[in-house]
Amino acid sequence: MADKVIKRAKIRKGDQVVIIAGRDKNKRGRVLEVLPAQGKVKVEGINIVKKHQRANPNSSRGGGIIDQEAYLNISNVQLIDPQSGKPTRVRYEIDGDIKTRVASKSGHAIQK
């Protein structure tokens, strides 16, 4: 059985993305966390699940049912083009020894 290849994630924490598949399709949000090894991403306000949480008196945390974001597959999100505001793919441009992320649709650099 072949080892799983870890692909570099072109989406980073803090990026504005649009959901292109699933129950939250066409919603937009900011990336909270990226797990490139698992190919997962957590987006603010997207893929909300209910979690049953036990009370913990030591950390003064109450119990109950809380809403929180769950991970979704990185293939189901697409970066928002900074110029047009539409979904776009991401490519890299190397200028000397500087590597920058560029929106494929407009060719504009994506801010860090």
N, C-alpha and C. Protein backbone atom coordinates (compact mmCIF):
# COMPACT_ATOMS: atom_id res chain seq x y z
N MET A 1 0.84 -1.18 0.00
CA MET A 1 0.00 0.00 0.00
C MET A 1 0.89 1.24 0.00
N ALA A 2 0.61 2.17 -0.89
CA ALA A 2 1.43 3.37 -1.04
C ALA A 2 1.16 4.35 0.10
N ASP A 3 2.21 5.09 0.50
CA ASP A 3 2.04 6.12 1.51
C ASP A 3 1.24 7.27 0.95
N LYS A 4 0.48 7.91 1.82
CA LYS A 4 -0.33 9.06 1.40
C LYS A 4 0.58 10.26 1.17
N VAL A 5 0.41 10.90 0.04
CA VAL A 5 1.21 12.06 -0.31
C VAL A 5 0.57 13.30 0.31
N ILE A 6 1.37 14.08 1.03
CA ILE A 6 0.87 15.32 1.63
C ILE A 6 1.05 16.44 0.62
N LYS A 7 -0.07 17.04 0.22
CA LYS A 7 -0.02 18.12 -0.75
C LYS A 7 -0.07 19.45 -0.02
N ARG A 8 0.65 20.42 -0.51
CA ARG A 8 0.68 21.74 0.10
C ARG A 8 -0.67 22.42 -0.09
N ALA A 9 -1.21 22.98 0.99
CA ALA A 9 -2.49 23.67 0.94
C ALA A 9 -2.28 25.07 0.39
N LYS A 10 -3.05 25.45 -0.62
CA LYS A 10 -2.94 26.78 -1.20
C LYS A 10 -3.82 27.78 -0.46
N ILE A 11 -4.58 27.30 0.49
CA ILE A 11 -5.43 28.15 1.31
C ILE A 11 -4.80 28.26 2.68
N ARG A 12 -4.74 29.47 3.22
CA ARG A 12 -4.09 29.72 4.50
C ARG A 12 -5.07 30.30 5.51
N LYS A 13 -4.65 30.29 6.76
CA LYS A 13 -5.45 30.86 7.84
C LYS A 13 -5.66 32.35 7.58
N GLY A 14 -6.90 32.80 7.74
CA GLY A 14 -7.22 34.21 7.54
C GLY A 14 -7.73 34.53 6.15
N ASP A 15 -7.65 33.60 5.21
CA ASP A 15 -8.14 33.84 3.85
C ASP A 15 -9.67 33.90 3.83
N GLN A 16 -10.21 34.70 2.90
CA GLN A 16 -11.65 34.73 2.67
C GLN A 16 -11.96 33.68 1.61
N VAL A 17 -12.89 32.76 1.93
CA VAL A 17 -13.22 31.68 1.01
C VAL A 17 -14.72 31.58 0.82
N VAL A 18 -15.11 30.89 -0.26
CA VAL A 18 -16.51 30.59 -0.53
C VAL A 18 -16.63 29.06 -0.56
N ILE A 19 -17.74 28.55 -0.03
CA ILE A 19 -17.98 27.11 -0.01
C ILE A 19 -18.61 26.74 -1.36
N ILE A 20 -18.04 25.75 -2.04
CA ILE A 20 -18.52 25.39 -3.38
C ILE A 20 -19.28 24.07 -3.40
N ALA A 21 -19.36 23.37 -2.26
CA ALA A 21 -20.11 22.11 -2.21
C ALA A 21 -20.58 21.86 -0.79
N GLY A 22 -21.67 21.12 -0.66
CA GLY A 22 -22.19 20.75 0.66
C GLY A 22 -23.38 21.59 1.07
N ARG A 23 -23.79 21.42 2.32
CA ARG A 23 -25.01 22.08 2.78
C ARG A 23 -24.86 23.58 2.94
N ASP A 24 -23.63 24.07 3.04
CA ASP A 24 -23.37 25.51 3.18
C ASP A 24 -22.90 26.13 1.86
N LYS A 25 -23.27 25.54 0.75
CA LYS A 25 -22.82 26.01 -0.56
C LYS A 25 -23.16 27.49 -0.77
N ASN A 26 -22.22 28.21 -1.37
CA ASN A 26 -22.32 29.64 -1.70
C ASN A 26 -22.19 30.57 -0.49
N LYS A 27 -21.93 30.04 0.69
CA LYS A 27 -21.68 30.89 1.86
C LYS A 27 -20.21 31.27 1.87
N ARG A 28 -19.93 32.43 2.48
CA ARG A 28 -18.56 32.92 2.56
C ARG A 28 -18.12 33.02 4.01
N GLY A 29 -16.81 32.88 4.21
CA GLY A 29 -16.29 32.98 5.57
C GLY A 29 -14.79 33.08 5.57
N ARG A 30 -14.24 33.29 6.77
CA ARG A 30 -12.80 33.42 6.96
C ARG A 30 -12.26 32.11 7.50
N VAL A 31 -11.10 31.69 6.99
CA VAL A 31 -10.49 30.43 7.41
C VAL A 31 -9.92 30.60 8.82
N LEU A 32 -10.32 29.69 9.72
CA LEU A 32 -9.84 29.72 11.09
C LEU A 32 -8.64 28.81 11.29
N GLU A 33 -8.63 27.68 10.58
CA GLU A 33 -7.59 26.68 10.79
C GLU A 33 -7.45 25.82 9.54
N VAL A 34 -6.23 25.39 9.24
CA VAL A 34 -5.95 24.54 8.08
C VAL A 34 -5.13 23.34 8.55
N LEU A 35 -5.54 22.14 8.14
CA LEU A 35 -4.79 20.92 8.40
C LEU A 35 -4.38 20.32 7.05
N PRO A 36 -3.20 20.70 6.51
CA PRO A 36 -2.81 20.24 5.19
C PRO A 36 -2.61 18.73 5.11
N ALA A 37 -2.13 18.11 6.20
CA ALA A 37 -1.88 16.67 6.19
C ALA A 37 -3.16 15.88 6.00
N GLN A 38 -4.26 16.36 6.59
CA GLN A 38 -5.55 15.68 6.45
C GLN A 38 -6.39 16.26 5.31
N GLY A 39 -5.98 17.38 4.75
CA GLY A 39 -6.75 18.02 3.68
C GLY A 39 -8.04 18.63 4.21
N LYS A 40 -7.99 19.20 5.42
CA LYS A 40 -9.18 19.75 6.05
C LYS A 40 -8.99 21.23 6.34
N VAL A 41 -10.11 21.93 6.45
CA VAL A 41 -10.09 23.36 6.74
C VAL A 41 -11.31 23.68 7.61
N LYS A 42 -11.15 24.65 8.52
CA LYS A 42 -12.24 25.10 9.39
C LYS A 42 -12.54 26.55 9.03
N VAL A 43 -13.81 26.84 8.70
CA VAL A 43 -14.21 28.17 8.25
C VAL A 43 -15.20 28.75 9.25
N GLU A 44 -15.03 30.04 9.54
CA GLU A 44 -15.85 30.73 10.52
C GLU A 44 -17.32 30.76 10.10
N GLY A 45 -18.20 30.23 10.98
CA GLY A 45 -19.64 30.25 10.73
C GLY A 45 -20.13 29.22 9.73
N ILE A 46 -19.28 28.31 9.30
CA ILE A 46 -19.64 27.30 8.30
C ILE A 46 -19.51 25.91 8.91
N ASN A 47 -20.39 24.98 8.50
CA ASN A 47 -20.38 23.59 8.95
C ASN A 47 -20.53 23.53 10.48
N ILE A 48 -21.54 24.22 10.97
CA ILE A 48 -21.81 24.28 12.41
C ILE A 48 -22.43 22.95 12.86
N VAL A 49 -21.84 22.37 13.92
CA VAL A 49 -22.35 21.14 14.50
C VAL A 49 -22.63 21.37 15.98
N LYS A 50 -23.49 20.53 16.54
CA LYS A 50 -23.79 20.59 17.97
C LYS A 50 -22.88 19.63 18.70
N LYS A 51 -22.26 20.11 19.78
CA LYS A 51 -21.38 19.27 20.58
C LYS A 51 -21.91 19.22 22.00
N HIS A 52 -22.03 18.00 22.55
CA HIS A 52 -22.46 17.82 23.92
C HIS A 52 -21.24 17.93 24.81
N GLN A 53 -21.25 18.92 25.69
CA GLN A 53 -20.07 19.22 26.49
C GLN A 53 -20.37 18.99 27.97
N ARG A 54 -19.50 18.25 28.62
CA ARG A 54 -19.65 17.98 30.05
C ARG A 54 -19.12 19.17 30.85
N ALA A 55 -19.78 19.45 31.95
CA ALA A 55 -19.33 20.55 32.82
C ALA A 55 -17.99 20.19 33.46
N ASN A 56 -17.13 21.21 33.60
CA ASN A 56 -15.84 21.02 34.24
C ASN A 56 -15.65 22.12 35.27
N PRO A 57 -15.87 21.81 36.54
CA PRO A 57 -15.76 22.84 37.58
C PRO A 57 -14.35 23.40 37.73
N ASN A 58 -13.33 22.61 37.42
CA ASN A 58 -11.95 23.07 37.56
C ASN A 58 -11.64 24.24 36.64
N SER A 59 -12.19 24.22 35.42
CA SER A 59 -11.95 25.32 34.48
C SER A 59 -13.16 26.24 34.39
N SER A 60 -14.07 26.13 35.36
CA SER A 60 -15.31 26.93 35.44
C SER A 60 -16.05 26.96 34.10
N ARG A 61 -16.21 25.77 33.53
CA ARG A 61 -16.92 25.62 32.25
C ARG A 61 -18.23 24.89 32.52
N GLY A 62 -19.30 25.48 32.06
CA GLY A 62 -20.61 24.86 32.24
C GLY A 62 -20.87 23.81 31.18
N GLY A 63 -21.73 22.89 31.49
CA GLY A 63 -22.08 21.85 30.53
C GLY A 63 -23.24 22.26 29.65
N GLY A 64 -23.56 21.42 28.68
CA GLY A 64 -24.68 21.68 27.80
C GLY A 64 -24.34 21.38 26.36
N ILE A 65 -25.20 21.83 25.48
CA ILE A 65 -25.00 21.61 24.05
C ILE A 65 -24.52 22.92 23.45
N ILE A 66 -23.35 22.88 22.84
CA ILE A 66 -22.77 24.09 22.24
C ILE A 66 -22.67 23.92 20.73
N ASP A 67 -22.71 25.04 20.02
CA ASP A 67 -22.52 25.04 18.56
C ASP A 67 -21.06 25.39 18.28
N GLN A 68 -20.44 24.64 17.37
CA GLN A 68 -19.07 24.95 16.99
C GLN A 68 -18.83 24.55 15.54
N GLU A 69 -17.78 25.14 14.95
CA GLU A 69 -17.44 24.83 13.56
C GLU A 69 -16.73 23.48 13.51
N ALA A 70 -17.06 22.70 12.48
CA ALA A 70 -16.38 21.43 12.25
C ALA A 70 -15.53 21.57 10.99
N TYR A 71 -14.56 20.68 10.85
CA TYR A 71 -13.70 20.70 9.67
C TYR A 71 -14.49 20.26 8.45
N LEU A 72 -14.11 20.80 7.28
CA LEU A 72 -14.64 20.31 6.02
C LEU A 72 -13.49 20.13 5.05
N ASN A 73 -13.74 19.37 3.99
CA ASN A 73 -12.68 19.05 3.06
C ASN A 73 -12.21 20.30 2.33
N ILE A 74 -10.90 20.40 2.16
CA ILE A 74 -10.30 21.59 1.54
C ILE A 74 -10.72 21.72 0.07
N SER A 75 -11.15 20.62 -0.54
CA SER A 75 -11.59 20.67 -1.94
C SER A 75 -12.96 21.33 -2.07
N ASN A 76 -13.67 21.51 -0.96
CA ASN A 76 -15.00 22.13 -1.00
C ASN A 76 -14.99 23.63 -0.78
N VAL A 77 -13.79 24.22 -0.67
CA VAL A 77 -13.69 25.67 -0.52
C VAL A 77 -12.82 26.23 -1.64
N GLN A 78 -13.11 27.47 -2.01
CA GLN A 78 -12.33 28.14 -3.04
C GLN A 78 -12.07 29.58 -2.59
N LEU A 79 -10.87 30.04 -2.83
CA LEU A 79 -10.46 31.38 -2.41
C LEU A 79 -11.25 32.44 -3.18
N ILE A 80 -11.50 33.57 -2.53
CA ILE A 80 -12.20 34.68 -3.18
C ILE A 80 -11.18 35.62 -3.79
N ASP A 81 -11.38 35.94 -5.07
CA ASP A 81 -10.49 36.85 -5.79
C ASP A 81 -10.55 38.23 -5.15
N PRO A 82 -9.40 38.82 -4.78
CA PRO A 82 -9.43 40.13 -4.12
C PRO A 82 -9.94 41.26 -5.02
N GLN A 83 -9.85 41.08 -6.34
CA GLN A 83 -10.29 42.15 -7.25
C GLN A 83 -11.77 42.06 -7.57
N SER A 84 -12.23 40.87 -8.00
CA SER A 84 -13.61 40.74 -8.45
C SER A 84 -14.57 40.23 -7.38
N GLY A 85 -14.05 39.59 -6.33
CA GLY A 85 -14.91 39.04 -5.29
C GLY A 85 -15.54 37.73 -5.66
N LYS A 86 -15.08 37.10 -6.74
CA LYS A 86 -15.62 35.81 -7.19
C LYS A 86 -14.63 34.69 -6.84
N PRO A 87 -15.11 33.45 -6.80
CA PRO A 87 -14.20 32.33 -6.50
C PRO A 87 -13.14 32.17 -7.57
N THR A 88 -11.93 31.80 -7.15
CA THR A 88 -10.82 31.63 -8.08
C THR A 88 -9.89 30.54 -7.59
N ARG A 89 -9.13 30.00 -8.50
CA ARG A 89 -8.06 29.08 -8.14
C ARG A 89 -6.85 29.89 -7.75
N VAL A 90 -5.86 29.20 -7.17
CA VAL A 90 -4.65 29.87 -6.71
C VAL A 90 -3.46 29.26 -7.42
N ARG A 91 -2.54 30.13 -7.84
CA ARG A 91 -1.27 29.65 -8.40
C ARG A 91 -0.14 30.43 -7.75
N TYR A 92 1.06 29.93 -7.94
CA TYR A 92 2.23 30.59 -7.37
C TYR A 92 3.06 31.22 -8.47
N GLU A 93 3.61 32.39 -8.20
CA GLU A 93 4.56 33.03 -9.11
C GLU A 93 5.85 33.25 -8.34
N ILE A 94 6.96 32.87 -8.97
CA ILE A 94 8.26 33.01 -8.34
C ILE A 94 9.01 34.13 -9.05
N ASP A 95 9.36 35.18 -8.27
CA ASP A 95 10.10 36.32 -8.79
C ASP A 95 11.41 36.38 -8.03
N GLY A 96 12.47 35.86 -8.65
CA GLY A 96 13.75 35.77 -7.95
C GLY A 96 13.67 34.72 -6.87
N ASP A 97 13.78 35.14 -5.62
CA ASP A 97 13.63 34.19 -4.52
C ASP A 97 12.38 34.47 -3.69
N ILE A 98 11.43 35.23 -4.27
CA ILE A 98 10.18 35.54 -3.59
C ILE A 98 9.05 34.78 -4.27
N LYS A 99 8.32 33.99 -3.47
CA LYS A 99 7.20 33.20 -3.97
C LYS A 99 5.91 33.84 -3.48
N THR A 100 5.01 34.19 -4.42
CA THR A 100 3.76 34.85 -4.04
C THR A 100 2.58 34.05 -4.55
N ARG A 101 1.49 34.11 -3.79
CA ARG A 101 0.24 33.49 -4.24
C ARG A 101 -0.51 34.48 -5.12
N VAL A 102 -1.05 33.97 -6.22
CA VAL A 102 -1.73 34.81 -7.19
C VAL A 102 -3.08 34.20 -7.53
N ALA A 103 -4.11 35.03 -7.62
CA ALA A 103 -5.43 34.57 -8.05
C ALA A 103 -5.38 34.29 -9.54
N SER A 104 -5.75 33.08 -9.95
CA SER A 104 -5.64 32.68 -11.34
C SER A 104 -6.55 33.48 -12.26
N LYS A 105 -7.75 33.86 -11.78
CA LYS A 105 -8.70 34.57 -12.63
C LYS A 105 -8.24 35.96 -13.01
N SER A 106 -7.78 36.74 -12.02
CA SER A 106 -7.43 38.13 -12.29
C SER A 106 -5.94 38.37 -12.39
N GLY A 107 -5.12 37.48 -11.83
CA GLY A 107 -3.67 37.66 -11.85
C GLY A 107 -3.16 38.57 -10.75
N HIS A 108 -4.05 38.96 -9.81
CA HIS A 108 -3.64 39.83 -8.70
C HIS A 108 -3.07 39.02 -7.56
N ALA A 109 -2.06 39.58 -6.90
CA ALA A 109 -1.44 38.91 -5.76
C ALA A 109 -2.42 38.90 -4.59
N ILE A 110 -2.34 37.84 -3.79
CA ILE A 110 -3.19 37.68 -2.62
C ILE A 110 -2.40 38.13 -1.41
N GLN A 111 -3.00 39.02 -0.63
CA GLN A 111 -2.33 39.57 0.55
C GLN A 111 -2.13 38.48 1.60
N LYS A 112 -1.05 38.61 2.37
CA LYS A 112 -0.78 37.64 3.42
C LYS A 112 -1.58 37.94 4.66
